[in-house]
Amino acid sequence: MSILNIKLLTVKEVAKILRVDESTIRRWAHTGHLKAVAIPQNGGKRHKYRFDANTVEALLQAQA
């Protein structure tokens, strides 16, 4: 898979897919339970998270 073909999802999109609150997704990203790309904001004190769609899909399949 080419790196250019990776689809990244926002916290809001992942929360909707997994049917959990956005704060849960942020907590999972912060603790490493859900692999995320952290994009620094405000001098590195806060982060925006992005999630690989394939990772989220694998999580859904594992739950089924």
Protein backbone atom coordinates (compact mmCIF):
# COMPACT_ATOMS: atom_id res chain seq x y z
CA MET A 1 0.00 0.00 0.00
CA SER A 2 1.30 3.40 -0.94
CA ILE A 3 1.51 6.03 1.76
CA LEU A 4 -0.52 8.29 -0.55
CA ASN A 5 -3.48 5.90 -0.36
CA ILE A 6 -3.91 6.11 3.42
CA LYS A 7 -7.19 7.70 4.50
CA LEU A 8 -7.04 9.54 7.81
CA LEU A 9 -10.12 10.05 9.97
CA THR A 10 -10.81 12.73 12.56
CA VAL A 11 -11.76 12.14 16.19
CA LYS A 12 -15.37 13.01 15.36
CA GLU A 13 -15.52 10.55 12.46
CA VAL A 14 -14.03 7.70 14.49
CA ALA A 15 -16.36 8.40 17.43
CA LYS A 16 -19.35 8.22 15.11
CA ILE A 17 -18.15 4.96 13.53
CA LEU A 18 -17.45 3.30 16.88
CA ARG A 19 -20.50 4.86 18.56
CA VAL A 20 -18.59 6.31 21.49
CA ASP A 21 -17.98 9.83 22.77
CA GLU A 22 -15.20 11.93 21.24
CA SER A 23 -13.48 12.16 24.64
CA THR A 24 -13.22 8.36 24.66
CA ILE A 25 -11.43 8.40 21.31
CA ARG A 26 -9.01 11.08 22.53
CA ARG A 27 -8.33 9.08 25.70
CA TRP A 28 -7.70 5.89 23.69
CA ALA A 29 -5.29 7.80 21.44
CA HIS A 30 -3.51 9.35 24.44
CA THR A 31 -3.11 5.99 26.22
CA GLY A 32 -2.16 4.10 23.06
CA HIS A 33 -5.23 1.87 22.90
CA LEU A 34 -5.96 3.26 19.44
CA LYS A 35 -3.03 4.04 17.17
CA ALA A 36 -3.11 7.69 16.11
CA VAL A 37 -1.10 10.38 14.41
CA ALA A 38 -0.72 13.32 16.82
CA ILE A 39 -0.56 16.75 15.21
CA PRO A 40 0.86 19.31 17.69
CA GLN A 41 -1.06 22.54 18.35
CA ASN A 42 -0.47 25.56 20.58
CA GLY A 43 3.27 25.07 20.91
CA GLY A 44 2.98 21.31 21.38
CA LYS A 45 0.79 21.42 24.50
CA ARG A 46 -2.29 20.07 22.72
CA HIS A 47 -2.74 17.63 19.86
CA LYS A 48 -5.16 16.97 17.07
CA TYR A 49 -5.43 13.26 16.39
CA ARG A 50 -5.89 11.51 13.06
CA PHE A 51 -6.57 7.80 12.65
CA ASP A 52 -5.84 5.40 9.81
CA ALA A 53 -9.16 4.14 8.42
CA ASN A 54 -7.70 0.62 8.12
CA THR A 55 -6.89 0.59 11.85
CA VAL A 56 -10.44 1.61 12.72
CA GLU A 57 -11.86 -1.01 10.35
CA ALA A 58 -9.65 -3.71 11.93
CA LEU A 59 -10.91 -2.68 15.38
CA LEU A 60 -14.51 -3.02 14.19
CA GLN A 61 -13.84 -6.47 12.71
CA ALA A 62 -12.17 -7.61 15.94
CA GLN A 63 -15.30 -6.57 17.87
CA ALA A 64 -17.63 -8.54 15.57
